[in-house]
Structures are given as C-alpha cells and as structure tokens.
C-alpha cells in the first residue's frame, strides 16, 4: 500500500564510504509514492540528519559524481 505523503519514519541503511561499510539511521518524511508494476516506490526527504551522517552522505554522493 502506498505511503501517504508527509508520513514520517526512521530509515536505516548502509553505504560503502571511507573504505568501509557505514550504517546510518536517519529520520525522513515521505514525499511521494508511485506504483511501478507490482511494487511501490516511495520518495523520502531526510530530516534532522546528524552531522556525522551528513558528512558521510555528502562524501558518498560526491564519489558517485566522479
């Protein structure tokens, strides 16, 4: 079932950054949801990201742009 826009949640995920796997937990707000075939895709906007997580995410995104 699609998530209502504005629903808040906590998302936990891992990224490879700085030579190792980093686990992050951030708060987020659902921005949109769509059906794609038999799946639902939900867009999130991170909210209140701690400084350590913000730095890791910035490094991760910058690496992908090289």
C-alpha atoms as a PDB file:
ATOM      1  CA  UNK A   1       0.000   0.000   0.000  1.00  0.00           C
ATOM      2  CA  UNK A   2       1.439   3.445  -0.860  1.00  0.00           C
ATOM      3  CA  UNK A   3       2.658   5.675   1.921  1.00  0.00           C
ATOM      4  CA  UNK A   4       0.784   8.939   2.428  1.00  0.00           C
ATOM      5  CA  UNK A   5       2.848  11.998   1.595  1.00  0.00           C
ATOM      6  CA  UNK A   6       4.097  13.572   4.802  1.00  0.00           C
ATOM      7  CA  UNK A   7       4.326  10.317   6.760  1.00  0.00           C
ATOM      8  CA  UNK A   8       7.404  10.378   8.997  1.00  0.00           C
ATOM      9  CA  UNK A   9       9.646   7.398   9.691  1.00  0.00           C
ATOM     10  CA  UNK A  10      13.145   6.322  10.575  1.00  0.00           C
ATOM     11  CA  UNK A  11      15.215   4.716   7.821  1.00  0.00           C
ATOM     12  CA  UNK A  12      18.247   2.506   8.452  1.00  0.00           C
ATOM     13  CA  UNK A  13      20.623   1.670   5.611  1.00  0.00           C
ATOM     14  CA  UNK A  14      24.281   1.010   4.867  1.00  0.00           C
ATOM     15  CA  UNK A  15      26.635   2.687   2.411  1.00  0.00           C
ATOM     16  CA  UNK A  16      30.230   1.964   1.457  1.00  0.00           C
ATOM     17  CA  UNK A  17      32.163   5.110   2.293  1.00  0.00           C
ATOM     18  CA  UNK A  18      35.631   5.920   3.616  1.00  0.00           C
ATOM     19  CA  UNK A  19      36.878   2.421   2.865  1.00  0.00           C
ATOM     20  CA  UNK A  20      34.272   0.584   4.923  1.00  0.00           C
ATOM     21  CA  UNK A  21      30.570  -0.067   5.271  1.00  0.00           C
ATOM     22  CA  UNK A  22      28.834   2.629   7.308  1.00  0.00           C
ATOM     23  CA  UNK A  23      25.415   2.055   8.857  1.00  0.00           C
ATOM     24  CA  UNK A  24      23.173   5.114   9.080  1.00  0.00           C
ATOM     25  CA  UNK A  25      19.816   5.755  10.739  1.00  0.00           C
ATOM     26  CA  UNK A  26      18.022   8.959   9.784  1.00  0.00           C
ATOM     27  CA  UNK A  27      14.563  10.420  10.176  1.00  0.00           C
ATOM     28  CA  UNK A  28      12.668  11.044   6.963  1.00  0.00           C
ATOM     29  CA  UNK A  29       9.375  12.301   5.571  1.00  0.00           C
ATOM     30  CA  UNK A  30       7.638  10.584   2.655  1.00  0.00           C
ATOM     31  CA  UNK A  31       7.418  12.977  -0.281  1.00  0.00           C
ATOM     32  CA  UNK A  32       5.667  10.817  -2.861  1.00  0.00           C
ATOM     33  CA  UNK A  33       4.773   7.241  -3.757  1.00  0.00           C
ATOM     34  CA  UNK A  34       4.006   5.524  -7.057  1.00  0.00           C
ATOM     35  CA  UNK A  35       3.111   2.058  -8.277  1.00  0.00           C
ATOM     36  CA  UNK A  36       5.648   0.525 -10.665  1.00  0.00           C
ATOM     37  CA  UNK A  37       4.456  -2.836 -11.948  1.00  0.00           C
ATOM     38  CA  UNK A  38       3.860  -4.924  -8.801  1.00  0.00           C
ATOM     39  CA  UNK A  39       5.894  -2.661  -6.499  1.00  0.00           C
ATOM     40  CA  UNK A  40       5.510   0.640  -4.701  1.00  0.00           C
ATOM     41  CA  UNK A  41       8.322   3.187  -4.802  1.00  0.00           C
ATOM     42  CA  UNK A  42       8.459   5.823  -2.078  1.00  0.00           C
ATOM     43  CA  UNK A  43      10.491   9.031  -2.195  1.00  0.00           C
ATOM     44  CA  UNK A  44      11.879  10.355   1.078  1.00  0.00           C
ATOM     45  CA  UNK A  45      13.337  13.650   2.274  1.00  0.00           C
ATOM     46  CA  UNK A  46      15.781  13.201   5.127  1.00  0.00           C
ATOM     47  CA  UNK A  47      15.078  15.430   8.143  1.00  0.00           C
ATOM     48  CA  UNK A  48      17.263  16.254  11.124  1.00  0.00           C
ATOM     49  CA  UNK A  49      20.310  14.415   9.755  1.00  0.00           C
ATOM     50  CA  UNK A  50      23.107  14.247  12.355  1.00  0.00           C
ATOM     51  CA  UNK A  51      26.391  15.929  11.300  1.00  0.00           C
ATOM     52  CA  UNK A  52      28.306  12.618  11.049  1.00  0.00           C
ATOM     53  CA  UNK A  53      25.635  11.178   8.729  1.00  0.00           C
ATOM     54  CA  UNK A  54      25.510  14.352   6.660  1.00  0.00           C
ATOM     55  CA  UNK A  55      29.278  14.199   6.095  1.00  0.00           C
ATOM     56  CA  UNK A  56      29.139  10.532   5.074  1.00  0.00           C
ATOM     57  CA  UNK A  57      26.227  11.116   2.699  1.00  0.00           C
ATOM     58  CA  UNK A  58      27.981  14.125   1.114  1.00  0.00           C
ATOM     59  CA  UNK A  59      31.136  12.049   0.572  1.00  0.00           C
ATOM     60  CA  UNK A  60      29.107   9.148  -0.848  1.00  0.00           C
ATOM     61  CA  UNK A  61      27.242  11.393  -3.313  1.00  0.00           C
ATOM     62  CA  UNK A  62      30.419  13.249  -4.341  1.00  0.00           C
ATOM     63  CA  UNK A  63      32.162   9.945  -5.077  1.00  0.00           C
ATOM     64  CA  UNK A  64      29.302   8.909  -7.360  1.00  0.00           C
ATOM     65  CA  UNK A  65      29.702  12.116  -9.399  1.00  0.00           C
ATOM     66  CA  UNK A  66      33.337  11.384 -10.354  1.00  0.00           C
END
